[in-house]
């Protein structure tokens, strides 16, 4: 049975040899050194090399091929066996590179391949190390692509969608697969990557997948309606000028009709809170990215109802306004002009993210980019409240 050297003087030498073999994939072409060797280490090196090293020498070196030959002659085993199992780091890097290439090749089969958002998402995965973590963990990237290729959905409950696409109702409930898809959805819809449960719900609903019809909500004020229990609640709340939070689940209980000539939509609850308790035009608050509940509620408006829509003056806000203008034929920007922005500009938070066009007022995006400041709805509160009170109430 081969005898692995274990006496005094061998520990650091074999450890250094092991590190070198790992770094080079087992090559014996190099050498290893020991700094400040003790007497046992100096004698081992003299024995291996046959060359005297004086006491007190600062450093000693041994060629790996020489060490391998000595171990074979003296102990009947090669250097690789003497140091024990070691990682082939060059081989690992090569295998990782192949695996990364496989993932990227799979991405080219997606129906979204070539779209700017998809390419930006992949580039981010490459740059921040996510692609490497995907390949090392064995995450099933084809499942990520299958989910993205099946989107957008038609307000489908998440378990139903997951069963239809992945064959597992819980496949998107948690874990790295869900997180990776959420990052893609954020890139797709040009919103910040979600950092909490509410933001996660919002990006899923942007893609037509509803994680929870109780969590999907809309905040309303002075919006009377007819139809079922919810219609009674909305009308009673409107008569008392009391805000009401409505869930998607409630919206699906019975047919609903919003029999009002116009509806105002804001982004921040502070606007709706300031209007509460007074007679104003019907007001819906999206609380950020519009939920499926928001769009479902608006789908019950009567034909010809005018929607006045606004968001914060930041790049996400103007994108959300642009999306609403595309989605609804009778929607108009509400205090979202370059004039409104200029009148409200002042000290505030810097604009971040990618600039977005404002087709309804091209000067707005140019002014925002030039100013470099975001303007939140709260700064326009007085004029917004004036608009709401001057418009016909319910």
Protein backbone atom coordinates (compact mmCIF):
# COMPACT_ATOMS: atom_id res chain seq x y z
CA UNK A 1 0.00 0.00 0.00
CA UNK A 2 1.62 3.35 -0.98
CA UNK A 3 2.72 5.46 1.97
CA UNK A 4 1.64 9.12 1.91
CA UNK A 5 4.36 11.31 3.45
CA UNK A 6 3.02 12.63 6.74
CA UNK A 7 6.12 13.37 8.78
CA UNK A 8 7.45 16.76 9.87
CA UNK A 9 8.26 19.07 6.99
CA UNK A 10 5.78 17.69 4.47
CA UNK A 11 2.51 19.53 5.36
CA UNK A 12 3.14 22.96 3.83
CA UNK A 13 4.98 21.52 0.85
CA UNK A 14 2.16 19.18 -0.16
CA UNK A 15 -0.44 21.92 0.49
CA UNK A 16 1.44 24.27 -1.85
CA UNK A 17 1.69 21.52 -4.45
CA UNK A 18 -2.04 20.86 -4.17
CA UNK A 19 -2.86 24.52 -4.79
CA UNK A 20 -0.62 24.55 -7.83
CA UNK A 21 -2.20 21.38 -9.26
CA UNK A 22 -5.68 22.86 -8.76
CA UNK A 23 -4.68 26.10 -10.44
CA UNK A 24 -3.14 24.39 -13.48
CA UNK A 25 -5.38 21.35 -13.82
CA UNK A 26 -2.70 18.90 -12.64
CA UNK A 27 0.30 20.25 -14.56
CA UNK A 28 3.78 19.36 -13.24
CA UNK A 29 5.47 22.08 -15.24
CA UNK A 30 5.74 24.60 -12.41
CA UNK A 31 7.35 24.78 -9.02
CA UNK A 32 6.32 25.63 -5.46
CA UNK A 33 8.08 27.63 -2.79
CA UNK A 34 8.06 27.81 0.99
CA UNK A 35 8.98 31.03 2.74
CA UNK A 36 10.86 30.95 6.03
CA UNK A 37 11.12 27.12 6.08
CA UNK A 38 11.68 25.42 9.42
CA UNK A 39 14.40 22.83 9.91
CA UNK A 40 12.13 19.88 9.03
CA UNK A 41 10.95 21.56 5.82
CA UNK A 42 14.55 22.43 4.86
CA UNK A 43 15.65 18.83 5.28
CA UNK A 44 12.68 17.51 3.24
CA UNK A 45 13.54 19.87 0.38
CA UNK A 46 17.20 18.85 0.52
CA UNK A 47 16.14 15.22 0.37
CA UNK A 48 13.82 15.80 -2.60
CA UNK A 49 16.19 17.95 -4.64
CA UNK A 50 19.57 16.64 -3.54
CA UNK A 51 20.72 20.24 -3.24
CA UNK A 52 21.91 21.65 0.11
CA UNK A 53 20.07 24.63 1.59
CA UNK A 54 21.81 26.39 4.46
CA UNK A 55 20.13 26.92 7.83
CA UNK A 56 18.19 30.19 8.01
CA UNK A 57 17.48 30.33 4.26
CA UNK A 58 14.56 32.72 3.53
CA UNK A 59 12.88 30.64 0.84
CA UNK A 60 13.16 27.19 -0.72
CA UNK A 61 11.71 26.01 -4.05
CA UNK A 62 10.95 22.59 -5.49
CA UNK A 63 9.99 21.74 -9.07
CA UNK A 64 6.75 19.75 -9.14
CA UNK A 65 8.17 17.23 -11.60
CA UNK A 66 11.08 16.68 -9.24
CA UNK A 67 8.72 16.22 -6.28
CA UNK A 68 6.58 13.80 -8.27
CA UNK A 69 9.64 11.71 -9.22
CA UNK A 70 10.85 11.60 -5.61
CA UNK A 71 7.46 10.45 -4.31
CA UNK A 72 7.29 7.70 -6.91
CA UNK A 73 10.74 6.40 -6.01
CA UNK A 74 10.50 6.78 -2.23
CA UNK A 75 6.82 6.13 -1.55
CA UNK A 76 5.41 4.40 -4.60
CA UNK A 77 2.82 7.08 -5.47
CA UNK A 78 2.63 10.11 -7.68
CA UNK A 79 2.20 13.69 -6.53
CA UNK A 80 -1.51 13.81 -7.43
CA UNK A 81 -2.18 10.83 -5.18
CA UNK A 82 -0.05 12.26 -2.38
CA UNK A 83 -1.99 15.52 -2.17
CA UNK A 84 -5.37 13.78 -2.39
CA UNK A 85 -8.43 14.78 -4.44
CA UNK A 86 -8.13 18.29 -5.86
CA UNK A 87 -10.29 20.49 -8.06
CA UNK A 88 -9.47 20.90 -11.72
CA UNK A 89 -10.10 24.64 -11.84
CA UNK A 90 -9.25 25.14 -15.55
CA UNK A 91 -11.57 22.23 -16.36
CA UNK A 92 -14.28 23.72 -14.20
CA UNK A 93 -13.92 27.08 -15.95
CA UNK A 94 -14.10 25.42 -19.34
CA UNK A 95 -17.20 23.43 -18.36
CA UNK A 96 -18.79 26.58 -16.93
CA UNK A 97 -18.09 28.45 -20.14
CA UNK A 98 -19.75 25.69 -22.16
CA UNK A 99 -22.75 25.71 -19.82
CA UNK A 100 -23.07 29.49 -20.07
CA UNK A 101 -22.94 29.20 -23.85
CA UNK A 102 -25.69 26.58 -23.73
CA UNK A 103 -27.95 28.89 -21.71
CA UNK A 104 -27.36 31.77 -24.12
CA UNK A 105 -28.02 29.48 -27.09
CA UNK A 106 -31.30 28.41 -25.48
CA UNK A 107 -32.23 32.08 -25.12
CA UNK A 108 -32.03 32.58 -28.87
CA UNK A 109 -35.00 30.22 -29.27
CA UNK A 110 -37.30 32.50 -27.27
CA UNK A 111 -39.97 34.38 -29.18
CA UNK A 112 -38.70 37.50 -27.41
CA UNK A 113 -35.13 37.07 -28.67
CA UNK A 114 -33.91 40.21 -30.39
CA UNK A 115 -36.27 42.51 -28.55
CA UNK A 116 -34.39 45.29 -26.75
CA UNK A 117 -35.73 44.49 -23.30
CA UNK A 118 -34.87 40.79 -23.67
CA UNK A 119 -31.33 41.54 -24.80
CA UNK A 120 -30.85 44.03 -21.94
CA UNK A 121 -32.08 41.42 -19.47
CA UNK A 122 -29.64 38.79 -20.78
CA UNK A 123 -26.81 41.30 -20.73
CA UNK A 124 -27.58 42.10 -17.10
CA UNK A 125 -27.50 38.38 -16.25
CA UNK A 126 -24.07 38.15 -17.85
CA UNK A 127 -22.64 41.23 -16.16
CA UNK A 128 -23.84 40.69 -12.58
CA UNK A 129 -22.88 37.01 -12.34
CA UNK A 130 -26.43 35.66 -12.43
CA UNK A 131 -25.73 33.63 -15.56
CA UNK A 132 -22.84 31.92 -13.79
CA UNK A 133 -25.01 31.17 -10.76
CA UNK A 134 -27.71 29.76 -13.05
CA UNK A 135 -25.30 27.31 -14.65
CA UNK A 136 -23.70 26.29 -11.35
CA UNK A 137 -27.02 25.71 -9.60
CA UNK A 138 -28.59 23.83 -12.49
CA UNK A 139 -31.61 26.12 -12.60
CA UNK A 140 -33.83 24.96 -15.50
CA UNK A 141 -33.44 27.96 -17.78
CA UNK A 142 -35.73 26.46 -20.46
CA UNK A 143 -38.55 26.79 -17.91
CA UNK A 144 -37.80 30.50 -17.57
CA UNK A 145 -38.05 30.87 -21.34
CA UNK A 146 -41.25 28.80 -21.45
CA UNK A 147 -42.90 31.13 -18.94
CA UNK A 148 -41.79 34.27 -20.77
CA UNK A 149 -42.91 32.84 -24.11
CA UNK A 150 -46.38 32.19 -22.64
CA UNK A 151 -46.78 35.82 -21.57
CA UNK A 152 -48.71 38.00 -21.54
CA UNK A 153 -51.56 35.96 -20.11
CA UNK A 154 -55.22 36.96 -19.88
CA UNK A 155 -55.54 37.72 -16.13
CA UNK A 156 -54.87 34.09 -15.29
CA UNK A 157 -54.42 32.95 -11.67
CA UNK A 158 -50.79 32.08 -11.03
CA UNK A 159 -51.37 28.42 -10.03
CA UNK A 160 -53.46 27.87 -13.16
CA UNK A 161 -50.83 29.53 -15.34
CA UNK A 162 -48.01 27.53 -13.71
CA UNK A 163 -49.89 24.26 -14.22
CA UNK A 164 -50.62 25.10 -17.85
CA UNK A 165 -47.06 26.12 -18.73
CA UNK A 166 -44.85 24.11 -16.35
CA UNK A 167 -47.13 21.30 -15.19
CA UNK A 168 -46.79 22.30 -11.54
CA UNK A 169 -49.21 24.62 -9.75
CA UNK A 170 -46.50 25.65 -7.25
CA UNK A 171 -43.64 26.12 -9.70
CA UNK A 172 -43.83 29.92 -9.51
CA UNK A 173 -44.74 30.22 -5.83
CA UNK A 174 -41.19 30.90 -4.67
CA UNK A 175 -37.53 30.26 -5.39
CA UNK A 176 -34.90 31.35 -7.93
CA UNK A 177 -37.09 30.50 -10.96
CA UNK A 178 -39.72 32.99 -9.81
CA UNK A 179 -37.09 35.64 -9.01
CA UNK A 180 -35.43 35.36 -12.40
CA UNK A 181 -38.73 35.68 -14.24
CA UNK A 182 -39.69 38.71 -12.14
CA UNK A 183 -36.46 40.43 -13.16
CA UNK A 184 -37.29 39.72 -16.80
CA UNK A 185 -40.80 41.11 -16.38
CA UNK A 186 -39.42 44.28 -14.80
CA UNK A 187 -37.09 44.74 -17.78
CA UNK A 188 -39.93 43.98 -20.20
CA UNK A 189 -42.23 46.62 -18.71
CA UNK A 190 -39.41 49.04 -17.88
CA UNK A 191 -40.13 49.26 -14.16
CA UNK A 192 -37.67 48.78 -11.27
CA UNK A 193 -36.90 45.21 -10.26
CA UNK A 194 -39.36 44.24 -7.49
CA UNK A 195 -38.05 44.28 -3.92
CA UNK A 196 -41.14 43.25 -1.95
CA UNK A 197 -44.36 41.28 -2.16
CA UNK A 198 -46.41 44.23 -3.40
CA UNK A 199 -43.98 45.08 -6.19
CA UNK A 200 -43.70 41.41 -7.14
CA UNK A 201 -47.49 41.21 -7.47
CA UNK A 202 -47.45 44.32 -9.63
CA UNK A 203 -44.95 42.99 -12.19
CA UNK A 204 -46.81 39.68 -12.47
CA UNK A 205 -50.08 41.50 -13.05
CA UNK A 206 -48.44 43.63 -15.74
CA UNK A 207 -47.93 40.34 -17.57
CA UNK A 208 -51.49 39.19 -16.97
CA UNK A 209 -50.73 36.68 -14.20
CA UNK A 210 -52.62 37.18 -10.92
CA UNK A 211 -50.75 35.80 -7.89
CA UNK A 212 -53.67 36.48 -5.52
CA UNK A 213 -57.09 37.97 -6.34
CA UNK A 214 -57.38 39.20 -2.75
CA UNK A 215 -54.01 40.96 -2.84
CA UNK A 216 -54.85 42.65 -6.15
CA UNK A 217 -56.61 45.79 -5.02
CA UNK A 218 -57.71 49.26 -6.07
CA UNK A 219 -58.34 52.30 -3.88
CA UNK A 220 -61.37 54.41 -4.89
CA UNK A 221 -63.18 57.55 -3.79
CA UNK A 222 -66.58 58.92 -4.81
CA UNK A 223 -67.18 56.23 -7.41
CA UNK A 224 -70.81 55.05 -7.32
CA UNK A 225 -71.76 51.85 -9.11
CA UNK A 226 -74.61 49.43 -9.58
CA UNK A 227 -74.48 45.66 -9.48
CA UNK A 228 -74.36 43.26 -6.58
CA UNK A 229 -73.02 43.80 -3.11
CA UNK A 230 -69.94 45.65 -4.35
CA UNK A 231 -72.09 48.14 -6.25
CA UNK A 232 -73.97 48.89 -3.03
CA UNK A 233 -70.71 49.35 -1.12
CA UNK A 234 -69.25 51.68 -3.73
CA UNK A 235 -72.38 53.80 -3.87
CA UNK A 236 -72.66 54.04 -0.08
CA UNK A 237 -68.99 54.98 0.23
CA UNK A 238 -69.38 57.59 -2.52
CA UNK A 239 -72.38 59.15 -0.77
CA UNK A 240 -70.32 59.49 2.41
CA UNK A 241 -67.15 60.54 0.50
CA UNK A 242 -65.27 57.71 2.21
CA UNK A 243 -62.38 55.88 0.48
CA UNK A 244 -62.97 52.20 -0.24
CA UNK A 245 -60.44 49.50 -1.06
CA UNK A 246 -61.77 46.97 -3.57
CA UNK A 247 -60.24 43.56 -4.32
CA UNK A 248 -60.15 41.71 -7.61
CA UNK A 249 -62.05 38.92 -5.88
CA UNK A 250 -64.91 41.32 -5.10
CA UNK A 251 -64.92 42.66 -8.65
CA UNK A 252 -65.54 39.14 -9.93
CA UNK A 253 -68.54 38.41 -7.71
CA UNK A 254 -71.22 40.12 -9.82
CA UNK A 255 -71.58 42.31 -12.92
CA UNK A 256 -70.77 45.94 -12.12
CA UNK A 257 -71.59 49.19 -13.94
CA UNK A 258 -69.81 52.51 -13.33
CA UNK A 259 -72.41 54.98 -14.51
CA UNK A 260 -70.31 58.17 -14.33
CA UNK A 261 -69.24 60.56 -17.13
CA UNK A 262 -65.59 60.76 -16.10
CA UNK A 263 -63.06 59.13 -13.81
CA UNK A 264 -59.77 60.58 -12.57
CA UNK A 265 -56.78 58.31 -11.93
CA UNK A 266 -53.81 59.23 -9.73
CA UNK A 267 -50.76 57.31 -8.56
CA UNK A 268 -50.24 58.28 -4.93
CA UNK A 269 -52.65 57.65 -2.03
CA UNK A 270 -51.78 61.09 -0.64
CA UNK A 271 -53.89 62.67 -3.39
CA UNK A 272 -56.92 60.51 -2.64
CA UNK A 273 -56.47 60.99 1.11
CA UNK A 274 -56.48 64.77 0.69
CA UNK A 275 -59.70 64.56 -1.36
CA UNK A 276 -61.48 62.24 1.09
CA UNK A 277 -64.43 63.66 2.94
CA UNK A 278 -65.45 66.07 0.19
CA UNK A 279 -67.55 65.86 -2.95
CA UNK A 280 -65.23 65.41 -5.90
CA UNK A 281 -65.17 63.71 -9.26
CA UNK A 282 -64.72 59.92 -9.04
CA UNK A 283 -61.08 59.11 -8.24
CA UNK A 284 -59.10 55.88 -8.54
CA UNK A 285 -55.63 55.51 -7.04
CA UNK A 286 -53.27 52.98 -8.63
CA UNK A 287 -50.70 53.12 -5.80
CA UNK A 288 -47.93 52.68 -8.34
CA UNK A 289 -48.13 50.14 -11.14
CA UNK A 290 -51.83 49.59 -11.93
CA UNK A 291 -53.04 46.25 -10.62
CA UNK A 292 -55.34 43.87 -12.42
CA UNK A 293 -58.01 45.13 -10.03
CA UNK A 294 -57.52 48.68 -11.39
CA UNK A 295 -57.98 47.58 -14.98
CA UNK A 296 -60.87 45.28 -14.12
CA UNK A 297 -62.69 48.10 -12.34
CA UNK A 298 -62.16 50.44 -15.29
CA UNK A 299 -63.46 47.78 -17.66
CA UNK A 300 -66.90 48.26 -16.05
CA UNK A 301 -67.16 51.91 -17.07
CA UNK A 302 -69.93 52.81 -19.48
CA UNK A 303 -69.03 53.59 -23.13
CA UNK A 304 -67.83 57.13 -23.58
CA UNK A 305 -66.62 57.60 -20.02
CA UNK A 306 -63.61 59.94 -20.05
CA UNK A 307 -60.56 58.88 -18.04
CA UNK A 308 -58.12 61.51 -16.80
CA UNK A 309 -54.85 59.74 -16.00
CA UNK A 310 -51.68 60.87 -14.32
CA UNK A 311 -48.57 59.56 -12.57
CA UNK A 312 -45.49 61.02 -10.96
CA UNK A 313 -43.15 62.97 -13.20
CA UNK A 314 -40.44 60.30 -13.30
CA UNK A 315 -39.50 57.87 -16.05
CA UNK A 316 -41.59 55.04 -14.63
CA UNK A 317 -44.51 57.42 -14.25
CA UNK A 318 -44.46 58.66 -17.83
CA UNK A 319 -44.20 55.07 -19.06
CA UNK A 320 -47.27 54.13 -17.05
CA UNK A 321 -49.17 57.12 -18.43
CA UNK A 322 -48.15 56.19 -21.97
CA UNK A 323 -49.34 52.61 -21.37
CA UNK A 324 -52.73 53.91 -20.18
CA UNK A 325 -53.07 56.13 -23.26
CA UNK A 326 -52.45 53.08 -25.42
CA UNK A 327 -54.78 50.81 -23.46
CA UNK A 328 -57.85 53.06 -23.14
CA UNK A 329 -59.37 54.90 -26.12
CA UNK A 330 -61.00 57.62 -24.03
CA UNK A 331 -58.10 58.46 -21.70
CA UNK A 332 -56.41 61.86 -21.48
CA UNK A 333 -53.28 62.95 -19.58
CA UNK A 334 -54.17 64.80 -16.40
CA UNK A 335 -51.71 67.54 -15.50
CA UNK A 336 -48.96 65.62 -17.30
CA UNK A 337 -47.73 68.37 -19.63
CA UNK A 338 -44.38 70.11 -19.84
CA UNK A 339 -46.10 73.24 -18.54
CA UNK A 340 -47.33 71.39 -15.44
CA UNK A 341 -43.88 69.94 -14.87
CA UNK A 342 -42.15 73.29 -15.24
CA UNK A 343 -44.59 74.97 -12.87
CA UNK A 344 -43.99 72.34 -10.20
CA UNK A 345 -40.25 71.86 -10.63
CA UNK A 346 -37.95 72.60 -7.73
CA UNK A 347 -35.78 70.75 -5.20
CA UNK A 348 -36.55 67.07 -5.36
CA UNK A 349 -35.12 63.66 -6.02
CA UNK A 350 -32.92 63.03 -9.07
CA UNK A 351 -34.38 61.30 -12.10
CA UNK A 352 -33.05 57.76 -12.42
CA UNK A 353 -33.48 55.02 -14.98
CA UNK A 354 -33.82 55.09 -18.75
CA UNK A 355 -35.54 58.16 -20.24
CA UNK A 356 -38.91 57.52 -21.87
CA UNK A 357 -40.73 59.39 -24.65
CA UNK A 358 -43.88 61.39 -23.92
CA UNK A 359 -45.79 61.22 -27.18
CA UNK A 360 -48.68 63.32 -25.83
CA UNK A 361 -46.21 66.18 -25.17
CA UNK A 362 -42.71 65.56 -26.61
CA UNK A 363 -41.40 68.66 -24.85
CA UNK A 364 -42.07 66.99 -21.48
CA UNK A 365 -39.44 64.25 -21.82
CA UNK A 366 -36.89 66.76 -23.10
CA UNK A 367 -37.56 69.08 -20.18
CA UNK A 368 -37.39 66.26 -17.64
CA UNK A 369 -34.10 65.01 -19.07
CA UNK A 370 -32.68 68.51 -19.07
CA UNK A 371 -33.79 69.28 -15.53
CA UNK A 372 -32.87 65.87 -14.17
CA UNK A 373 -35.37 66.04 -11.32
CA UNK A 374 -38.46 63.98 -10.54
CA UNK A 375 -41.66 65.71 -9.44
CA UNK A 376 -44.00 63.71 -7.27
CA UNK A 377 -47.77 64.19 -7.31
CA UNK A 378 -47.78 65.69 -3.83
CA UNK A 379 -46.16 68.85 -5.21
CA UNK A 380 -49.20 69.36 -7.45
CA UNK A 381 -51.68 68.54 -4.70
CA UNK A 382 -53.51 71.90 -4.63
CA UNK A 383 -54.12 72.05 -8.38
CA UNK A 384 -55.12 68.36 -8.49
CA UNK A 385 -57.67 68.85 -5.73
CA UNK A 386 -59.01 71.91 -7.54
CA UNK A 387 -59.49 69.84 -10.71
CA UNK A 388 -61.34 67.14 -8.76
CA UNK A 389 -63.65 69.58 -7.06
CA UNK A 390 -64.38 71.58 -10.20
CA UNK A 391 -65.38 68.48 -12.21
CA UNK A 392 -68.90 67.03 -11.99
CA UNK A 393 -69.25 64.77 -8.97
CA UNK A 394 -71.16 61.50 -8.84
